[in-house]
N, C-alpha and C. Protein backbone atom coordinates (compact mmCIF):
# COMPACT_ATOMS: atom_id res chain seq x y z
N MET A 1 17.95 47.02 38.31
CA MET A 1 19.18 47.70 37.94
C MET A 1 20.30 46.69 37.77
N ALA A 2 20.98 46.70 36.62
CA ALA A 2 22.04 45.74 36.34
C ALA A 2 23.27 46.03 37.21
N GLU A 3 23.92 44.98 37.64
CA GLU A 3 25.12 45.13 38.45
C GLU A 3 26.32 45.43 37.56
N ARG A 4 27.24 46.23 38.08
CA ARG A 4 28.46 46.53 37.36
C ARG A 4 29.48 45.45 37.64
N VAL A 5 29.87 44.72 36.61
CA VAL A 5 30.85 43.65 36.76
C VAL A 5 32.24 44.26 36.67
N PRO A 6 33.13 43.99 37.63
CA PRO A 6 34.49 44.52 37.55
C PRO A 6 35.17 44.06 36.27
N PRO A 7 36.02 44.87 35.71
CA PRO A 7 36.66 44.49 34.44
C PRO A 7 37.75 43.44 34.65
N GLY A 8 38.08 42.75 33.56
CA GLY A 8 39.21 41.82 33.56
C GLY A 8 38.99 40.58 34.39
N ARG A 9 40.11 40.01 34.83
CA ARG A 9 40.06 38.75 35.58
C ARG A 9 39.40 38.91 36.95
N ALA A 10 39.45 40.10 37.50
CA ALA A 10 38.74 40.36 38.76
C ALA A 10 37.24 40.17 38.57
N GLY A 11 36.74 40.57 37.41
CA GLY A 11 35.32 40.37 37.13
C GLY A 11 34.95 38.90 37.04
N ARG A 12 35.85 38.10 36.50
CA ARG A 12 35.59 36.65 36.43
C ARG A 12 35.45 36.05 37.82
N LEU A 13 36.36 36.42 38.73
CA LEU A 13 36.27 35.93 40.11
C LEU A 13 34.99 36.45 40.77
N TRP A 14 34.65 37.69 40.50
CA TRP A 14 33.44 38.27 41.07
C TRP A 14 32.20 37.51 40.61
N LEU A 15 32.12 37.20 39.32
CA LEU A 15 30.96 36.48 38.78
C LEU A 15 30.91 35.05 39.29
N LEU A 16 32.06 34.41 39.40
CA LEU A 16 32.08 33.04 39.93
C LEU A 16 31.58 33.01 41.37
N GLY A 17 31.95 34.02 42.15
CA GLY A 17 31.45 34.09 43.52
C GLY A 17 29.95 34.31 43.57
N ARG A 18 29.43 35.20 42.70
CA ARG A 18 27.99 35.44 42.67
C ARG A 18 27.24 34.20 42.19
N LEU A 19 27.79 33.49 41.24
CA LEU A 19 27.15 32.26 40.76
C LEU A 19 27.09 31.21 41.86
N ALA A 20 28.18 31.04 42.59
CA ALA A 20 28.20 30.06 43.68
C ALA A 20 27.17 30.43 44.74
N SER A 21 27.07 31.73 45.05
CA SER A 21 26.10 32.18 46.05
C SER A 21 24.67 31.95 45.57
N ALA A 22 24.41 32.23 44.28
CA ALA A 22 23.05 32.04 43.74
C ALA A 22 22.67 30.57 43.73
N ARG A 23 23.60 29.71 43.35
CA ARG A 23 23.30 28.27 43.34
C ARG A 23 23.06 27.74 44.74
N ARG A 24 23.82 28.24 45.70
CA ARG A 24 23.61 27.84 47.09
C ARG A 24 22.23 28.31 47.57
N SER A 25 21.85 29.52 47.17
CA SER A 25 20.53 30.03 47.55
C SER A 25 19.42 29.16 46.97
N VAL A 26 19.59 28.71 45.74
CA VAL A 26 18.58 27.83 45.13
C VAL A 26 18.48 26.52 45.92
N GLU A 27 19.61 25.97 46.32
CA GLU A 27 19.59 24.73 47.10
C GLU A 27 18.86 24.92 48.43
N LEU A 28 19.16 26.02 49.12
CA LEU A 28 18.51 26.27 50.41
C LEU A 28 17.02 26.53 50.24
N LEU A 29 16.66 27.31 49.22
CA LEU A 29 15.24 27.58 48.97
C LEU A 29 14.50 26.32 48.56
N ASP A 30 15.15 25.46 47.81
CA ASP A 30 14.51 24.20 47.41
C ASP A 30 14.27 23.32 48.63
N ARG A 31 15.25 23.28 49.52
CA ARG A 31 15.08 22.51 50.77
C ARG A 31 13.95 23.09 51.61
N LYS A 32 13.92 24.42 51.73
CA LYS A 32 12.85 25.06 52.49
C LYS A 32 11.50 24.80 51.84
N ARG A 33 11.44 24.88 50.51
CA ARG A 33 10.18 24.65 49.80
C ARG A 33 9.64 23.25 50.07
N LYS A 34 10.52 22.24 50.03
CA LYS A 34 10.07 20.87 50.25
C LYS A 34 9.57 20.66 51.68
N LEU A 35 10.27 21.25 52.65
CA LEU A 35 9.83 21.13 54.04
C LEU A 35 8.49 21.84 54.26
N LEU A 36 8.34 23.01 53.64
CA LEU A 36 7.07 23.73 53.77
C LEU A 36 5.94 23.01 53.06
N GLN A 37 6.23 22.38 51.94
CA GLN A 37 5.20 21.59 51.27
C GLN A 37 4.75 20.42 52.15
N ARG A 38 5.71 19.78 52.79
CA ARG A 38 5.36 18.68 53.69
C ARG A 38 4.51 19.17 54.86
N GLU A 39 4.91 20.33 55.42
CA GLU A 39 4.14 20.90 56.53
C GLU A 39 2.76 21.36 56.06
N ASP A 40 2.68 21.89 54.86
CA ASP A 40 1.39 22.33 54.31
C ASP A 40 0.44 21.15 54.14
N ARG A 41 0.96 20.03 53.66
CA ARG A 41 0.11 18.83 53.53
C ARG A 41 -0.36 18.34 54.90
N ARG A 42 0.55 18.36 55.88
CA ARG A 42 0.17 17.93 57.22
C ARG A 42 -0.91 18.83 57.81
N LEU A 43 -0.74 20.14 57.64
CA LEU A 43 -1.71 21.08 58.19
C LEU A 43 -3.04 21.02 57.46
N SER A 44 -3.01 20.76 56.16
CA SER A 44 -4.27 20.61 55.41
C SER A 44 -5.06 19.42 55.92
N ALA A 45 -4.36 18.31 56.15
CA ALA A 45 -5.03 17.14 56.71
C ALA A 45 -5.54 17.42 58.12
N LEU A 46 -4.74 18.17 58.91
CA LEU A 46 -5.17 18.52 60.27
C LEU A 46 -6.40 19.42 60.23
N CYS A 47 -6.43 20.35 59.29
CA CYS A 47 -7.60 21.24 59.16
C CYS A 47 -8.86 20.43 58.85
N ASP A 48 -8.74 19.47 57.96
CA ASP A 48 -9.90 18.63 57.63
C ASP A 48 -10.38 17.86 58.85
N ALA A 49 -9.43 17.31 59.61
CA ALA A 49 -9.79 16.52 60.79
C ALA A 49 -10.42 17.40 61.87
N THR A 50 -9.82 18.57 62.14
CA THR A 50 -10.36 19.45 63.18
C THR A 50 -11.71 20.04 62.76
N ARG A 51 -11.88 20.30 61.47
CA ARG A 51 -13.18 20.80 61.00
C ARG A 51 -14.27 19.75 61.22
N GLU A 52 -13.94 18.50 60.92
CA GLU A 52 -14.92 17.42 61.12
C GLU A 52 -15.29 17.28 62.59
N ARG A 53 -14.26 17.35 63.49
CA ARG A 53 -14.54 17.25 64.93
C ARG A 53 -15.36 18.44 65.40
N TRP A 54 -15.06 19.61 64.88
CA TRP A 54 -15.80 20.81 65.26
C TRP A 54 -17.26 20.71 64.84
N GLU A 55 -17.50 20.29 63.61
CA GLU A 55 -18.88 20.16 63.13
C GLU A 55 -19.65 19.12 63.94
N THR A 56 -18.99 18.01 64.24
CA THR A 56 -19.63 16.96 65.06
C THR A 56 -19.95 17.48 66.45
N ALA A 57 -18.97 18.19 67.06
CA ALA A 57 -19.16 18.72 68.41
C ALA A 57 -20.26 19.78 68.43
N CYS A 58 -20.34 20.60 67.39
CA CYS A 58 -21.39 21.62 67.32
C CYS A 58 -22.77 20.98 67.21
N ALA A 59 -22.87 19.93 66.39
CA ALA A 59 -24.15 19.24 66.24
C ALA A 59 -24.58 18.61 67.56
N GLU A 60 -23.61 18.02 68.27
CA GLU A 60 -23.93 17.39 69.56
C GLU A 60 -24.34 18.45 70.58
N ALA A 61 -23.61 19.59 70.59
CA ALA A 61 -23.95 20.65 71.54
C ALA A 61 -25.34 21.23 71.24
N GLU A 62 -25.65 21.38 69.97
CA GLU A 62 -26.97 21.91 69.61
C GLU A 62 -28.07 20.96 70.05
N THR A 63 -27.82 19.65 69.88
CA THR A 63 -28.82 18.66 70.30
C THR A 63 -29.07 18.75 71.80
N TRP A 64 -27.98 18.77 72.59
CA TRP A 64 -28.14 18.84 74.04
C TRP A 64 -28.72 20.20 74.47
N GLY A 65 -28.38 21.25 73.76
CA GLY A 65 -28.95 22.54 74.10
C GLY A 65 -30.46 22.57 73.88
N LEU A 66 -30.92 21.96 72.80
CA LEU A 66 -32.36 21.90 72.54
C LEU A 66 -33.07 21.05 73.61
N ARG A 67 -32.44 19.94 73.99
CA ARG A 67 -33.04 19.10 75.03
C ARG A 67 -33.17 19.87 76.34
N ALA A 68 -32.10 20.59 76.71
CA ALA A 68 -32.15 21.34 77.96
C ALA A 68 -33.18 22.46 77.88
N THR A 69 -33.32 23.09 76.73
CA THR A 69 -34.30 24.16 76.57
C THR A 69 -35.72 23.61 76.66
N VAL A 70 -35.93 22.44 76.05
CA VAL A 70 -37.26 21.82 76.10
C VAL A 70 -37.63 21.46 77.54
N LEU A 71 -36.66 20.93 78.28
CA LEU A 71 -36.94 20.50 79.64
C LEU A 71 -37.08 21.66 80.62
N GLY A 72 -36.25 22.69 80.45
CA GLY A 72 -36.25 23.75 81.46
C GLY A 72 -36.72 25.09 80.97
N GLY A 73 -36.85 25.27 79.66
CA GLY A 73 -37.27 26.57 79.15
C GLY A 73 -36.08 27.46 78.82
N ALA A 74 -36.33 28.44 77.96
CA ALA A 74 -35.25 29.31 77.50
C ALA A 74 -34.70 30.18 78.62
N SER A 75 -35.54 30.64 79.52
CA SER A 75 -35.08 31.52 80.59
C SER A 75 -34.15 30.77 81.54
N GLU A 76 -34.46 29.52 81.82
CA GLU A 76 -33.61 28.74 82.71
C GLU A 76 -32.26 28.46 82.05
N MET A 77 -32.26 28.20 80.75
CA MET A 77 -31.00 27.97 80.05
C MET A 77 -30.16 29.24 79.98
N ALA A 78 -30.82 30.39 79.82
CA ALA A 78 -30.08 31.65 79.79
C ALA A 78 -29.42 31.91 81.14
N LEU A 79 -30.12 31.60 82.22
CA LEU A 79 -29.55 31.77 83.55
C LEU A 79 -28.39 30.82 83.77
N ALA A 80 -28.54 29.58 83.33
CA ALA A 80 -27.48 28.59 83.53
C ALA A 80 -26.24 28.92 82.73
N ALA A 81 -26.44 29.56 81.58
CA ALA A 81 -25.30 29.85 80.70
C ALA A 81 -24.65 31.18 81.00
N ALA A 82 -25.19 31.97 81.93
CA ALA A 82 -24.62 33.27 82.23
C ALA A 82 -23.22 33.11 82.81
N PRO A 83 -22.19 33.77 82.27
CA PRO A 83 -20.82 33.58 82.75
C PRO A 83 -20.60 34.20 84.12
N VAL A 84 -19.75 33.55 84.89
CA VAL A 84 -19.38 34.04 86.21
C VAL A 84 -17.95 34.57 86.19
N ALA A 85 -17.06 33.90 85.54
CA ALA A 85 -15.64 34.24 85.60
C ALA A 85 -15.13 34.76 84.26
N GLY A 86 -15.87 35.66 83.63
CA GLY A 86 -15.39 36.28 82.40
C GLY A 86 -15.50 35.37 81.20
N ARG A 87 -14.70 35.70 80.18
CA ARG A 87 -14.76 34.97 78.93
C ARG A 87 -13.81 33.78 78.92
N ALA A 88 -13.99 32.95 77.90
CA ALA A 88 -13.10 31.80 77.76
C ALA A 88 -11.69 32.28 77.43
N ARG A 89 -10.70 31.50 77.82
CA ARG A 89 -9.30 31.84 77.59
C ARG A 89 -8.68 30.81 76.67
N VAL A 90 -7.88 31.29 75.72
CA VAL A 90 -7.22 30.40 74.76
C VAL A 90 -5.72 30.64 74.83
N ASP A 91 -4.95 29.58 74.99
CA ASP A 91 -3.49 29.64 74.99
C ASP A 91 -2.96 28.86 73.79
N LEU A 92 -1.97 29.45 73.10
CA LEU A 92 -1.37 28.82 71.93
C LEU A 92 0.10 28.53 72.17
N THR A 93 0.52 27.36 71.74
CA THR A 93 1.93 27.02 71.71
C THR A 93 2.41 27.14 70.27
N TRP A 94 3.50 27.87 70.08
CA TRP A 94 3.95 28.19 68.73
C TRP A 94 5.04 27.22 68.28
N ARG A 95 5.08 27.00 66.99
CA ARG A 95 6.06 26.12 66.35
C ARG A 95 6.78 26.90 65.25
N ASN A 96 8.06 26.58 65.04
CA ASN A 96 8.84 27.27 64.01
C ASN A 96 9.27 26.27 62.94
N THR A 97 8.80 26.48 61.72
CA THR A 97 9.15 25.61 60.60
C THR A 97 9.96 26.41 59.59
N MET A 98 11.26 26.18 59.50
CA MET A 98 12.15 26.90 58.57
C MET A 98 12.00 28.41 58.70
N GLY A 99 11.99 28.89 59.95
CA GLY A 99 11.89 30.32 60.18
C GLY A 99 10.49 30.88 60.11
N VAL A 100 9.48 30.02 60.01
CA VAL A 100 8.09 30.48 59.91
C VAL A 100 7.36 30.12 61.20
N PRO A 101 7.08 31.08 62.09
CA PRO A 101 6.33 30.77 63.32
C PRO A 101 4.84 30.59 63.03
N HIS A 102 4.26 29.56 63.61
CA HIS A 102 2.82 29.33 63.44
C HIS A 102 2.31 28.53 64.63
N PRO A 103 1.01 28.66 64.96
CA PRO A 103 0.46 27.92 66.11
C PRO A 103 0.61 26.42 65.94
N ASP A 104 0.92 25.76 67.03
CA ASP A 104 1.11 24.30 66.98
C ASP A 104 0.05 23.59 67.83
N VAL A 105 -0.12 24.02 69.08
CA VAL A 105 -1.07 23.39 69.99
C VAL A 105 -1.91 24.48 70.63
N SER A 106 -3.18 24.23 70.76
CA SER A 106 -4.07 25.20 71.41
C SER A 106 -4.68 24.57 72.66
N ARG A 107 -4.95 25.43 73.63
CA ARG A 107 -5.61 24.98 74.85
C ARG A 107 -6.60 26.05 75.26
N SER A 108 -7.85 25.65 75.52
CA SER A 108 -8.88 26.62 75.87
C SER A 108 -9.41 26.32 77.26
N GLU A 109 -9.75 27.40 77.95
CA GLU A 109 -10.37 27.30 79.27
C GLU A 109 -11.72 28.02 79.20
N PRO A 110 -12.83 27.28 79.13
CA PRO A 110 -14.15 27.93 79.03
C PRO A 110 -14.46 28.73 80.29
N ALA A 111 -15.29 29.73 80.11
CA ALA A 111 -15.74 30.51 81.27
C ALA A 111 -16.61 29.63 82.17
N VAL A 112 -16.54 29.90 83.46
CA VAL A 112 -17.35 29.16 84.43
C VAL A 112 -18.81 29.59 84.26
N ILE A 113 -19.73 28.62 84.23
CA ILE A 113 -21.15 28.95 84.06
C ILE A 113 -21.95 28.45 85.26
N ARG A 114 -23.10 29.03 85.43
CA ARG A 114 -23.97 28.66 86.56
C ARG A 114 -24.84 27.47 86.17
N SER A 115 -24.21 26.32 85.98
CA SER A 115 -24.98 25.15 85.57
C SER A 115 -25.39 24.26 86.74
N ALA A 116 -24.76 24.47 87.90
CA ALA A 116 -25.01 23.57 89.02
C ALA A 116 -26.45 23.67 89.54
N ASP A 117 -26.92 24.92 89.71
CA ASP A 117 -28.28 25.08 90.23
C ASP A 117 -29.32 24.57 89.24
N ALA A 118 -29.10 24.88 87.97
CA ALA A 118 -30.08 24.46 86.98
C ALA A 118 -30.04 22.95 86.76
N ALA A 119 -28.87 22.35 86.97
CA ALA A 119 -28.74 20.92 86.73
C ALA A 119 -29.58 20.10 87.70
N ALA A 120 -29.84 20.68 88.88
CA ALA A 120 -30.64 19.95 89.86
C ALA A 120 -32.06 19.73 89.36
N ALA A 121 -32.59 20.69 88.62
CA ALA A 121 -33.96 20.56 88.12
C ALA A 121 -34.01 20.14 86.66
N ASN A 122 -32.90 20.20 85.96
CA ASN A 122 -32.87 19.88 84.53
C ASN A 122 -31.69 18.96 84.26
N ALA A 123 -31.97 17.70 83.98
CA ALA A 123 -30.90 16.71 83.80
C ALA A 123 -30.10 16.93 82.53
N ALA A 124 -30.60 17.75 81.60
CA ALA A 124 -29.89 17.96 80.34
C ALA A 124 -28.89 19.10 80.41
N VAL A 125 -28.93 19.91 81.49
CA VAL A 125 -28.04 21.07 81.55
C VAL A 125 -26.58 20.65 81.64
N GLY A 126 -26.25 19.68 82.50
CA GLY A 126 -24.87 19.22 82.66
C GLY A 126 -24.29 18.69 81.35
N PRO A 127 -24.96 17.72 80.70
CA PRO A 127 -24.44 17.23 79.41
C PRO A 127 -24.37 18.33 78.35
N ALA A 128 -25.33 19.29 78.39
CA ALA A 128 -25.29 20.38 77.41
C ALA A 128 -24.06 21.25 77.63
N ALA A 129 -23.77 21.56 78.90
CA ALA A 129 -22.58 22.38 79.20
C ALA A 129 -21.31 21.67 78.74
N ALA A 130 -21.22 20.37 79.00
CA ALA A 130 -20.04 19.60 78.58
C ALA A 130 -19.94 19.57 77.05
N ALA A 131 -21.07 19.44 76.38
CA ALA A 131 -21.07 19.40 74.92
C ALA A 131 -20.62 20.74 74.34
N TYR A 132 -21.11 21.84 74.92
CA TYR A 132 -20.67 23.16 74.45
C TYR A 132 -19.19 23.39 74.72
N ARG A 133 -18.71 22.83 75.83
CA ARG A 133 -17.28 22.96 76.13
C ARG A 133 -16.45 22.22 75.09
N ARG A 134 -16.89 21.02 74.73
CA ARG A 134 -16.17 20.27 73.69
C ARG A 134 -16.23 20.99 72.34
N ALA A 135 -17.37 21.60 72.06
CA ALA A 135 -17.50 22.35 70.80
C ALA A 135 -16.54 23.54 70.78
N LEU A 136 -16.40 24.22 71.93
CA LEU A 136 -15.47 25.34 72.01
C LEU A 136 -14.03 24.86 71.80
N GLU A 137 -13.67 23.78 72.45
CA GLU A 137 -12.32 23.25 72.30
C GLU A 137 -12.04 22.84 70.85
N ALA A 138 -13.03 22.22 70.22
CA ALA A 138 -12.86 21.82 68.82
C ALA A 138 -12.75 23.04 67.91
N ALA A 139 -13.51 24.10 68.22
CA ALA A 139 -13.44 25.32 67.41
C ALA A 139 -12.08 25.97 67.53
N VAL A 140 -11.54 26.00 68.75
CA VAL A 140 -10.21 26.59 68.95
C VAL A 140 -9.14 25.78 68.24
N ALA A 141 -9.23 24.46 68.32
CA ALA A 141 -8.26 23.60 67.64
C ALA A 141 -8.30 23.81 66.14
N HIS A 142 -9.49 23.92 65.59
CA HIS A 142 -9.61 24.13 64.14
C HIS A 142 -9.09 25.51 63.74
N ALA A 143 -9.39 26.53 64.56
CA ALA A 143 -8.91 27.88 64.25
C ALA A 143 -7.38 27.93 64.25
N ALA A 144 -6.76 27.25 65.22
CA ALA A 144 -5.29 27.22 65.28
C ALA A 144 -4.72 26.50 64.07
N ALA A 145 -5.32 25.38 63.69
CA ALA A 145 -4.83 24.63 62.53
C ALA A 145 -5.01 25.44 61.24
N GLU A 146 -6.14 26.12 61.11
CA GLU A 146 -6.39 26.92 59.92
C GLU A 146 -5.43 28.10 59.83
N MET A 147 -5.16 28.73 60.96
CA MET A 147 -4.21 29.84 60.97
C MET A 147 -2.81 29.36 60.58
N SER A 148 -2.41 28.21 61.12
CA SER A 148 -1.10 27.65 60.78
C SER A 148 -1.01 27.34 59.30
N ARG A 149 -2.06 26.75 58.76
CA ARG A 149 -2.04 26.40 57.34
C ARG A 149 -1.91 27.65 56.47
N ARG A 150 -2.62 28.70 56.82
CA ARG A 150 -2.55 29.94 56.02
C ARG A 150 -1.16 30.56 56.09
N VAL A 151 -0.58 30.61 57.29
CA VAL A 151 0.76 31.20 57.44
C VAL A 151 1.79 30.42 56.63
N VAL A 152 1.74 29.09 56.74
CA VAL A 152 2.70 28.26 56.01
C VAL A 152 2.47 28.36 54.51
N ALA A 153 1.21 28.43 54.08
CA ALA A 153 0.92 28.53 52.65
C ALA A 153 1.45 29.83 52.07
N VAL A 154 1.33 30.93 52.81
CA VAL A 154 1.86 32.22 52.33
C VAL A 154 3.38 32.16 52.19
N GLU A 155 4.04 31.59 53.19
CA GLU A 155 5.51 31.48 53.12
C GLU A 155 5.95 30.53 52.02
N LEU A 156 5.17 29.48 51.79
CA LEU A 156 5.50 28.54 50.72
C LEU A 156 5.43 29.23 49.36
N ARG A 157 4.40 30.02 49.13
CA ARG A 157 4.30 30.72 47.84
C ARG A 157 5.43 31.73 47.67
N ALA A 158 5.80 32.43 48.75
CA ALA A 158 6.90 33.39 48.67
C ALA A 158 8.22 32.68 48.38
N THR A 159 8.43 31.52 49.00
CA THR A 159 9.66 30.75 48.76
C THR A 159 9.72 30.28 47.32
N GLU A 160 8.60 29.80 46.79
CA GLU A 160 8.57 29.36 45.39
C GLU A 160 8.88 30.50 44.44
N ARG A 161 8.34 31.69 44.74
CA ARG A 161 8.62 32.86 43.88
C ARG A 161 10.09 33.22 43.91
N ARG A 162 10.69 33.23 45.09
CA ARG A 162 12.12 33.57 45.19
C ARG A 162 12.97 32.54 44.46
N GLN A 163 12.64 31.27 44.61
CA GLN A 163 13.42 30.23 43.92
C GLN A 163 13.31 30.37 42.42
N ARG A 164 12.09 30.60 41.91
CA ARG A 164 11.92 30.76 40.47
C ARG A 164 12.67 31.99 39.95
N ALA A 165 12.64 33.07 40.73
CA ALA A 165 13.32 34.29 40.29
C ALA A 165 14.82 34.06 40.13
N ILE A 166 15.41 33.32 41.06
CA ILE A 166 16.85 33.05 40.96
C ILE A 166 17.14 32.09 39.82
N GLU A 167 16.33 31.03 39.71
CA GLU A 167 16.58 30.01 38.68
C GLU A 167 16.35 30.56 37.27
N ARG A 168 15.32 31.38 37.09
CA ARG A 168 14.93 31.81 35.76
C ARG A 168 15.55 33.14 35.33
N HIS A 169 16.00 33.94 36.30
CA HIS A 169 16.51 35.26 35.95
C HIS A 169 17.94 35.48 36.45
N ARG A 170 18.14 35.31 37.76
CA ARG A 170 19.45 35.62 38.33
C ARG A 170 20.56 34.72 37.77
N LEU A 171 20.36 33.42 37.84
CA LEU A 171 21.40 32.50 37.36
C LEU A 171 21.68 32.66 35.86
N PRO A 172 20.66 32.68 34.99
CA PRO A 172 20.95 32.87 33.56
C PRO A 172 21.68 34.18 33.27
N ALA A 173 21.32 35.25 33.98
CA ALA A 173 21.99 36.54 33.73
C ALA A 173 23.46 36.47 34.13
N LEU A 174 23.74 35.86 35.28
CA LEU A 174 25.13 35.73 35.72
C LEU A 174 25.93 34.83 34.78
N GLU A 175 25.32 33.73 34.35
CA GLU A 175 26.01 32.83 33.43
C GLU A 175 26.29 33.51 32.09
N GLU A 176 25.35 34.32 31.62
CA GLU A 176 25.56 35.04 30.37
C GLU A 176 26.67 36.07 30.51
N ASP A 177 26.68 36.78 31.64
CA ASP A 177 27.75 37.75 31.88
C ASP A 177 29.11 37.06 31.94
N LEU A 178 29.14 35.90 32.60
CA LEU A 178 30.41 35.17 32.70
C LEU A 178 30.88 34.68 31.34
N ALA A 179 29.95 34.18 30.52
CA ALA A 179 30.33 33.71 29.18
C ALA A 179 30.89 34.85 28.34
N ARG A 180 30.25 36.03 28.42
CA ARG A 180 30.76 37.17 27.65
C ARG A 180 32.13 37.61 28.14
N LEU A 181 32.28 37.62 29.45
CA LEU A 181 33.56 38.05 30.01
C LEU A 181 34.68 37.07 29.66
N GLU A 182 34.38 35.76 29.74
CA GLU A 182 35.40 34.77 29.40
C GLU A 182 35.78 34.86 27.93
N LEU A 183 34.82 35.19 27.07
CA LEU A 183 35.14 35.37 25.65
C LEU A 183 36.08 36.56 25.47
N ARG A 184 35.79 37.66 26.19
CA ARG A 184 36.68 38.81 26.09
C ARG A 184 38.06 38.51 26.64
N LEU A 185 38.12 37.74 27.73
CA LEU A 185 39.42 37.38 28.31
C LEU A 185 40.21 36.48 27.37
N ASP A 186 39.52 35.55 26.70
CA ASP A 186 40.20 34.69 25.73
C ASP A 186 40.78 35.52 24.59
N GLU A 187 40.00 36.47 24.09
CA GLU A 187 40.49 37.33 23.02
C GLU A 187 41.68 38.16 23.49
N LEU A 188 41.58 38.65 24.73
CA LEU A 188 42.68 39.43 25.28
C LEU A 188 43.95 38.59 25.41
N GLU A 189 43.79 37.34 25.88
CA GLU A 189 44.96 36.47 26.01
C GLU A 189 45.58 36.16 24.65
N ARG A 190 44.74 35.95 23.63
CA ARG A 190 45.28 35.71 22.29
C ARG A 190 46.04 36.94 21.79
N ASP A 191 45.45 38.12 22.02
CA ASP A 191 46.14 39.35 21.62
C ASP A 191 47.47 39.50 22.36
N GLU A 192 47.47 39.17 23.64
CA GLU A 192 48.70 39.29 24.42
C GLU A 192 49.77 38.32 23.91
N ARG A 193 49.35 37.11 23.53
CA ARG A 193 50.33 36.15 23.00
C ARG A 193 50.90 36.63 21.67
N VAL A 194 50.04 37.17 20.80
CA VAL A 194 50.51 37.69 19.52
C VAL A 194 51.49 38.83 19.74
N VAL A 195 51.14 39.75 20.65
CA VAL A 195 52.03 40.88 20.93
C VAL A 195 53.35 40.40 21.51
N ALA A 196 53.28 39.39 22.39
CA ALA A 196 54.51 38.87 22.99
C ALA A 196 55.40 38.23 21.93
N ARG A 197 54.80 37.44 21.03
CA ARG A 197 55.61 36.82 19.96
C ARG A 197 56.19 37.89 19.03
N TRP A 198 55.38 38.91 18.75
CA TRP A 198 55.86 39.98 17.88
C TRP A 198 57.03 40.72 18.52
N ALA A 199 56.90 41.01 19.82
CA ALA A 199 57.98 41.70 20.52
C ALA A 199 59.24 40.86 20.57
N GLN A 200 59.05 39.53 20.79
CA GLN A 200 60.21 38.65 20.82
C GLN A 200 60.89 38.60 19.45
N HIS A 201 60.09 38.56 18.40
CA HIS A 201 60.65 38.52 17.04
C HIS A 201 61.41 39.81 16.76
N ARG A 202 60.88 40.96 17.20
CA ARG A 202 61.59 42.22 16.97
C ARG A 202 62.92 42.25 17.71
N ARG A 203 62.94 41.72 18.92
CA ARG A 203 64.20 41.69 19.66
C ARG A 203 65.22 40.82 18.96
N LEU A 204 64.74 39.67 18.45
CA LEU A 204 65.67 38.77 17.78
C LEU A 204 66.19 39.38 16.49
N GLU A 205 65.31 40.09 15.78
CA GLU A 205 65.76 40.75 14.55
C GLU A 205 66.83 41.79 14.82
N SER A 206 66.68 42.43 15.95
CA SER A 206 67.67 43.46 16.29
C SER A 206 69.02 42.86 16.63
N ARG A 207 69.03 41.55 16.99
CA ARG A 207 70.30 40.90 17.33
C ARG A 207 70.99 40.30 16.12
N GLY A 208 70.27 40.16 15.01
CA GLY A 208 70.91 39.64 13.81
C GLY A 208 70.28 38.36 13.34
N PRO A 209 70.68 37.87 12.14
CA PRO A 209 70.08 36.67 11.54
C PRO A 209 70.28 35.41 12.36
N GLN A 210 71.41 35.25 13.03
CA GLN A 210 71.67 34.01 13.77
C GLN A 210 70.69 33.86 14.94
N ALA A 211 70.40 34.94 15.63
CA ALA A 211 69.43 34.87 16.76
C ALA A 211 68.04 34.59 16.28
N ARG A 212 67.69 35.07 15.04
CA ARG A 212 66.34 34.87 14.54
C ARG A 212 66.07 33.40 14.22
N HIS A 213 67.14 32.63 13.84
CA HIS A 213 66.94 31.21 13.52
C HIS A 213 67.32 30.30 14.67
N ALA A 214 67.36 30.85 15.86
CA ALA A 214 67.70 30.01 17.02
C ALA A 214 66.56 29.04 17.28
N PRO A 215 66.87 27.85 17.92
CA PRO A 215 65.84 26.83 18.18
C PRO A 215 64.72 27.39 19.07
N GLY A 216 63.49 27.02 18.73
CA GLY A 216 62.33 27.44 19.53
C GLY A 216 61.81 28.79 19.21
N VAL A 217 62.41 29.45 18.20
CA VAL A 217 61.95 30.80 17.83
C VAL A 217 61.25 30.71 16.51
N SER A 218 60.04 31.24 16.40
CA SER A 218 59.32 31.24 15.15
C SER A 218 58.80 32.62 14.87
N ALA A 219 58.55 32.88 13.61
CA ALA A 219 58.03 34.19 13.26
C ALA A 219 56.59 34.33 13.71
N PRO A 220 56.17 35.55 14.02
CA PRO A 220 54.77 35.75 14.46
C PRO A 220 53.82 35.53 13.30
């Protein structure tokens, strides 16, 4: 819906204020866009690094799990892995980038497992438990990084859309309205000057020929 521009010189001031506000918005959005782009690149690199650590940790945990299973059997490994203190716990520390909250640091606490008894008879159970713990920590770190990257990427795209909308539509429309209004004001001022000169000439004519030829007086 098009905005109603106030008529006359008040409309000119109104448009100048809207133009200044739109240009300021573009500057702020451009600054936000650049900061979000920088954060997006950082998070993309972090995602690659955490994914690599997660894959490495998973491969190591699988290797130790197979060793422990070979040495002690599947039933013994199932007993050793049975949780005692519930599920693992994950805590996230949040970060705010230009008004966009996203996870920054993750910390996981694995569930306590019954590895002590099995470790006495199976030397691979202890290293396997530690390897699975590292794999869990790496998975949590990667999940936090991936979530942060997605949140920042969504906000970055929204910021780019808002900036383009103002630059390509809002600003040109306001500038066009201002140009049309200034043209009308110029025409109005010319008409006012013509009317003023005409009125002055009529007054001088009413005073007689001597007043009409006074210095600084010209016919309209």
